[in-house]
Amino acid sequence: MNKQFYIGSTPELKNRLSEHNEGKVQSTAPYIPYELIYFEGYRDKQDALSREKKLKHHGQGFRRLKERLKNSILP
């Protein structure tokens, strides 16, 4: 299993996860399968995109998230 993280935002989480696992997203197809281990919900799209950007830069926010999920992430 691939130990990479995928961070993204979408208004339709179930559909987007299905698209990734069905290979419909060219950039992520080589890394199938995907398993949802965590999500955050936002009412405002700009809030969601701001959070996504912070996590994608793999800074302190990303490290804290990994620490919070340490028992959910495969070794």
C-alpha atoms as a PDB file:
ATOM      1  CA  MET A   1       0.000   0.000   0.000  1.00  0.00           C
ATOM      2  CA  ASN A   2       1.198   3.489  -0.834  1.00  0.00           C
ATOM      3  CA  LYS A   3       2.035   5.538   2.247  1.00  0.00           C
ATOM      4  CA  GLN A   4       1.579   8.885   0.502  1.00  0.00           C
ATOM      5  CA  PHE A   5      -1.004  11.443   1.547  1.00  0.00           C
ATOM      6  CA  TYR A   6      -3.517  13.048  -0.733  1.00  0.00           C
ATOM      7  CA  ILE A   7      -4.873  16.398   0.364  1.00  0.00           C
ATOM      8  CA  GLY A   8      -7.674  18.029  -1.575  1.00  0.00           C
ATOM      9  CA  SER A   9     -10.985  19.807  -1.339  1.00  0.00           C
ATOM     10  CA  THR A  10     -14.313  19.011  -2.941  1.00  0.00           C
ATOM     11  CA  PRO A  11     -17.998  19.695  -2.374  1.00  0.00           C
ATOM     12  CA  GLU A  12     -18.768  15.992  -3.068  1.00  0.00           C
ATOM     13  CA  LEU A  13     -16.450  13.843  -0.939  1.00  0.00           C
ATOM     14  CA  LYS A  14     -17.917  10.398  -1.731  1.00  0.00           C
ATOM     15  CA  ASN A  15     -17.939  11.070  -5.459  1.00  0.00           C
ATOM     16  CA  ARG A  16     -14.410  12.445  -5.458  1.00  0.00           C
ATOM     17  CA  LEU A  17     -13.039   9.467  -3.539  1.00  0.00           C
ATOM     18  CA  SER A  18     -14.748   7.142  -6.035  1.00  0.00           C
ATOM     19  CA  GLU A  19     -13.220   9.053  -8.949  1.00  0.00           C
ATOM     20  CA  HIS A  20      -9.757   8.630  -7.471  1.00  0.00           C
ATOM     21  CA  ASN A  21     -10.220   4.915  -6.773  1.00  0.00           C
ATOM     22  CA  GLU A  22     -11.665   4.271 -10.242  1.00  0.00           C
ATOM     23  CA  GLY A  23      -8.600   5.854 -11.851  1.00  0.00           C
ATOM     24  CA  LYS A  24     -10.540   8.774 -13.318  1.00  0.00           C
ATOM     25  CA  VAL A  25      -8.038  11.325 -11.972  1.00  0.00           C
ATOM     26  CA  GLN A  26      -4.913  10.981 -14.093  1.00  0.00           C
ATOM     27  CA  SER A  27      -2.509  12.490 -11.572  1.00  0.00           C
ATOM     28  CA  THR A  28      -3.541  10.143  -8.755  1.00  0.00           C
ATOM     29  CA  ALA A  29      -4.314   6.963 -10.731  1.00  0.00           C
ATOM     30  CA  PRO A  30      -0.877   5.373 -10.200  1.00  0.00           C
ATOM     31  CA  TYR A  31      -1.423   5.414  -6.438  1.00  0.00           C
ATOM     32  CA  ILE A  32      -4.752   3.573  -6.203  1.00  0.00           C
ATOM     33  CA  PRO A  33      -6.316   2.568  -3.827  1.00  0.00           C
ATOM     34  CA  TYR A  34      -7.181   5.495  -1.599  1.00  0.00           C
ATOM     35  CA  GLU A  35      -8.640   5.208   1.866  1.00  0.00           C
ATOM     36  CA  LEU A  36     -10.298   8.108   3.630  1.00  0.00           C
ATOM     37  CA  ILE A  37      -8.795   8.446   7.084  1.00  0.00           C
ATOM     38  CA  TYR A  38      -9.691  12.047   7.896  1.00  0.00           C
ATOM     39  CA  PHE A  39     -11.759  14.937   6.625  1.00  0.00           C
ATOM     40  CA  GLU A  40     -12.707  18.436   7.671  1.00  0.00           C
ATOM     41  CA  GLY A  41     -15.950  20.126   6.681  1.00  0.00           C
ATOM     42  CA  TYR A  42     -16.310  23.836   5.950  1.00  0.00           C
ATOM     43  CA  ARG A  43     -19.344  25.914   5.034  1.00  0.00           C
ATOM     44  CA  ASP A  44     -17.283  28.402   3.073  1.00  0.00           C
ATOM     45  CA  LYS A  45     -15.215  27.376   0.041  1.00  0.00           C
ATOM     46  CA  GLN A  46     -12.493  29.959   0.734  1.00  0.00           C
ATOM     47  CA  ASP A  47     -12.033  28.591   4.255  1.00  0.00           C
ATOM     48  CA  ALA A  48     -11.652  25.087   2.837  1.00  0.00           C
ATOM     49  CA  LEU A  49      -9.162  26.201   0.181  1.00  0.00           C
ATOM     50  CA  SER A  50      -7.138  28.135   2.746  1.00  0.00           C
ATOM     51  CA  ARG A  51      -6.890  25.065   4.994  1.00  0.00           C
ATOM     52  CA  GLU A  52      -6.002  22.840   2.018  1.00  0.00           C
ATOM     53  CA  LYS A  53      -3.186  25.213   1.044  1.00  0.00           C
ATOM     54  CA  LYS A  54      -1.769  25.189   4.581  1.00  0.00           C
ATOM     55  CA  LEU A  55      -1.769  21.393   4.700  1.00  0.00           C
ATOM     56  CA  LYS A  56      -0.284  20.997   1.235  1.00  0.00           C
ATOM     57  CA  HIS A  57       2.742  23.061   2.161  1.00  0.00           C
ATOM     58  CA  HIS A  58       3.601  20.291   4.647  1.00  0.00           C
ATOM     59  CA  GLY A  59       4.481  22.739   7.370  1.00  0.00           C
ATOM     60  CA  GLN A  60       3.457  22.799  10.984  1.00  0.00           C
ATOM     61  CA  GLY A  61      -0.230  22.186  10.196  1.00  0.00           C
ATOM     62  CA  PHE A  62       0.591  19.012   8.287  1.00  0.00           C
ATOM     63  CA  ARG A  63       2.931  17.749  11.022  1.00  0.00           C
ATOM     64  CA  ARG A  64       0.274  18.360  13.674  1.00  0.00           C
ATOM     65  CA  LEU A  65      -2.333  16.520  11.629  1.00  0.00           C
ATOM     66  CA  LYS A  66      -0.025  13.526  11.184  1.00  0.00           C
ATOM     67  CA  GLU A  67       0.601  13.479  14.931  1.00  0.00           C
ATOM     68  CA  ARG A  68      -3.142  13.537  15.665  1.00  0.00           C
ATOM     69  CA  LEU A  69      -3.659  10.636  13.262  1.00  0.00           C
ATOM     70  CA  LYS A  70      -0.623   8.596  14.276  1.00  0.00           C
ATOM     71  CA  ASN A  71      -2.716   5.551  15.221  1.00  0.00           C
ATOM     72  CA  SER A  72      -4.784   5.747  12.022  1.00  0.00           C
ATOM     73  CA  ILE A  73      -1.836   5.948   9.650  1.00  0.00           C
ATOM     74  CA  LEU A  74      -0.192   2.717   8.646  1.00  0.00           C
ATOM     75  CA  PRO A  75       3.423   2.317   9.815  1.00  0.00           C
END
